[in-house]
């Protein structure tokens, strides 16, 4: 990334591996503070440590796949409600 993202915040889902992990690292290297999300907390914690060891700012936001979510306006729910 050629543009500086200093002062910006990025949320990356699927950040525990693959493209999500690579995107989080690239965004952090470009200066963004990065919030990383995925199901595997241990992998997120390691990614946060890597970003911080390179001088970046990151926080892990583990997803909870069995959470009930109400869909706006539809009156429907998704998940084990």
C-alpha atoms as a PDB file:
ATOM      1  CA  UNK A   1       0.000   0.000   0.000  1.00  0.00           C
ATOM      2  CA  UNK A   2       1.473   3.305  -1.011  1.00  0.00           C
ATOM      3  CA  UNK A   3      -0.842   5.667   0.882  1.00  0.00           C
ATOM      4  CA  UNK A   4      -0.375   6.225   4.593  1.00  0.00           C
ATOM      5  CA  UNK A   5      -3.249   5.041   6.736  1.00  0.00           C
ATOM      6  CA  UNK A   6      -1.999   6.783   9.878  1.00  0.00           C
ATOM      7  CA  UNK A   7      -4.937   7.879  12.007  1.00  0.00           C
ATOM      8  CA  UNK A   8      -7.294   5.379  10.366  1.00  0.00           C
ATOM      9  CA  UNK A   9      -8.844   2.255  11.864  1.00  0.00           C
ATOM     10  CA  UNK A  10      -9.396  -0.952   9.889  1.00  0.00           C
ATOM     11  CA  UNK A  11     -11.576  -3.931  10.813  1.00  0.00           C
ATOM     12  CA  UNK A  12     -10.454  -7.199   9.245  1.00  0.00           C
ATOM     13  CA  UNK A  13     -12.654 -10.280   9.481  1.00  0.00           C
ATOM     14  CA  UNK A  14     -11.256 -13.734   8.862  1.00  0.00           C
ATOM     15  CA  UNK A  15      -7.928 -12.461  10.146  1.00  0.00           C
ATOM     16  CA  UNK A  16      -6.693 -15.668  11.752  1.00  0.00           C
ATOM     17  CA  UNK A  17      -5.146 -16.939   8.501  1.00  0.00           C
ATOM     18  CA  UNK A  18      -4.767 -16.511   4.763  1.00  0.00           C
ATOM     19  CA  UNK A  19      -5.877 -13.350   3.004  1.00  0.00           C
ATOM     20  CA  UNK A  20      -7.403 -11.868   6.168  1.00  0.00           C
ATOM     21  CA  UNK A  21      -4.151 -12.240   8.077  1.00  0.00           C
ATOM     22  CA  UNK A  22      -2.158 -10.782   5.172  1.00  0.00           C
ATOM     23  CA  UNK A  23      -4.575  -7.855   4.868  1.00  0.00           C
ATOM     24  CA  UNK A  24      -4.310  -7.089   8.596  1.00  0.00           C
ATOM     25  CA  UNK A  25      -0.513  -7.082   8.405  1.00  0.00           C
ATOM     26  CA  UNK A  26      -0.498  -4.867   5.293  1.00  0.00           C
ATOM     27  CA  UNK A  27      -2.948  -2.393   6.818  1.00  0.00           C
ATOM     28  CA  UNK A  28      -0.913  -2.218  10.028  1.00  0.00           C
ATOM     29  CA  UNK A  29       2.293  -1.728   8.027  1.00  0.00           C
ATOM     30  CA  UNK A  30       0.593   1.166   6.221  1.00  0.00           C
ATOM     31  CA  UNK A  31      -0.119   2.809   9.589  1.00  0.00           C
ATOM     32  CA  UNK A  32      -3.711   1.826  10.360  1.00  0.00           C
ATOM     33  CA  UNK A  33      -4.783   0.690  13.799  1.00  0.00           C
ATOM     34  CA  UNK A  34      -6.235  -2.752  13.144  1.00  0.00           C
ATOM     35  CA  UNK A  35      -9.098  -4.631  14.799  1.00  0.00           C
ATOM     36  CA  UNK A  36      -8.854  -8.294  13.824  1.00  0.00           C
ATOM     37  CA  UNK A  37     -11.746 -10.727  14.057  1.00  0.00           C
ATOM     38  CA  UNK A  38     -12.115 -14.495  13.575  1.00  0.00           C
ATOM     39  CA  UNK A  39     -13.179 -17.568  15.525  1.00  0.00           C
ATOM     40  CA  UNK A  40      -9.690 -18.733  16.536  1.00  0.00           C
ATOM     41  CA  UNK A  41      -8.713 -16.533  19.499  1.00  0.00           C
ATOM     42  CA  UNK A  42      -5.227 -18.022  19.818  1.00  0.00           C
ATOM     43  CA  UNK A  43      -4.393 -17.104  16.204  1.00  0.00           C
ATOM     44  CA  UNK A  44      -5.768 -13.591  16.675  1.00  0.00           C
ATOM     45  CA  UNK A  45      -3.688 -13.063  19.810  1.00  0.00           C
ATOM     46  CA  UNK A  46      -0.563 -14.158  17.929  1.00  0.00           C
ATOM     47  CA  UNK A  47      -1.390 -11.780  15.056  1.00  0.00           C
ATOM     48  CA  UNK A  48      -1.861  -8.890  17.494  1.00  0.00           C
ATOM     49  CA  UNK A  49       1.553  -9.691  19.039  1.00  0.00           C
ATOM     50  CA  UNK A  50       3.151  -9.709  15.565  1.00  0.00           C
ATOM     51  CA  UNK A  51       1.610  -6.364  14.639  1.00  0.00           C
ATOM     52  CA  UNK A  52       2.579  -4.786  17.949  1.00  0.00           C
ATOM     53  CA  UNK A  53       6.150  -6.148  17.734  1.00  0.00           C
ATOM     54  CA  UNK A  54       6.466  -4.279  14.424  1.00  0.00           C
ATOM     55  CA  UNK A  55       5.317  -1.026  16.051  1.00  0.00           C
ATOM     56  CA  UNK A  56       1.647  -1.239  15.045  1.00  0.00           C
ATOM     57  CA  UNK A  57      -1.568  -1.067  17.028  1.00  0.00           C
ATOM     58  CA  UNK A  58      -4.039  -3.942  17.040  1.00  0.00           C
ATOM     59  CA  UNK A  59      -6.837  -5.498  19.050  1.00  0.00           C
ATOM     60  CA  UNK A  60      -8.377  -8.969  18.825  1.00  0.00           C
ATOM     61  CA  UNK A  61     -12.168  -9.226  18.576  1.00  0.00           C
ATOM     62  CA  UNK A  62     -12.970 -12.943  18.514  1.00  0.00           C
ATOM     63  CA  UNK A  63     -16.235 -13.800  16.831  1.00  0.00           C
ATOM     64  CA  UNK A  64     -18.799 -15.953  18.583  1.00  0.00           C
ATOM     65  CA  UNK A  65     -20.451 -18.123  15.911  1.00  0.00           C
ATOM     66  CA  UNK A  66     -23.271 -19.331  18.138  1.00  0.00           C
ATOM     67  CA  UNK A  67     -24.527 -15.843  18.980  1.00  0.00           C
ATOM     68  CA  UNK A  68     -28.154 -15.060  18.221  1.00  0.00           C
ATOM     69  CA  UNK A  69     -28.517 -12.055  15.925  1.00  0.00           C
ATOM     70  CA  UNK A  70     -31.780 -10.228  15.290  1.00  0.00           C
ATOM     71  CA  UNK A  71     -32.081  -8.966  11.749  1.00  0.00           C
ATOM     72  CA  UNK A  72     -33.306  -5.368  11.555  1.00  0.00           C
ATOM     73  CA  UNK A  73     -36.774  -4.783  10.078  1.00  0.00           C
ATOM     74  CA  UNK A  74     -37.308  -8.459   9.297  1.00  0.00           C
ATOM     75  CA  UNK A  75     -38.352  -9.682  12.722  1.00  0.00           C
ATOM     76  CA  UNK A  76     -36.272 -12.784  12.056  1.00  0.00           C
ATOM     77  CA  UNK A  77     -33.370 -14.134  14.062  1.00  0.00           C
ATOM     78  CA  UNK A  78     -30.300 -16.077  13.036  1.00  0.00           C
ATOM     79  CA  UNK A  79     -28.404 -18.400  15.280  1.00  0.00           C
ATOM     80  CA  UNK A  80     -29.510 -20.650  18.137  1.00  0.00           C
ATOM     81  CA  UNK A  81     -32.319 -18.452  19.455  1.00  0.00           C
END
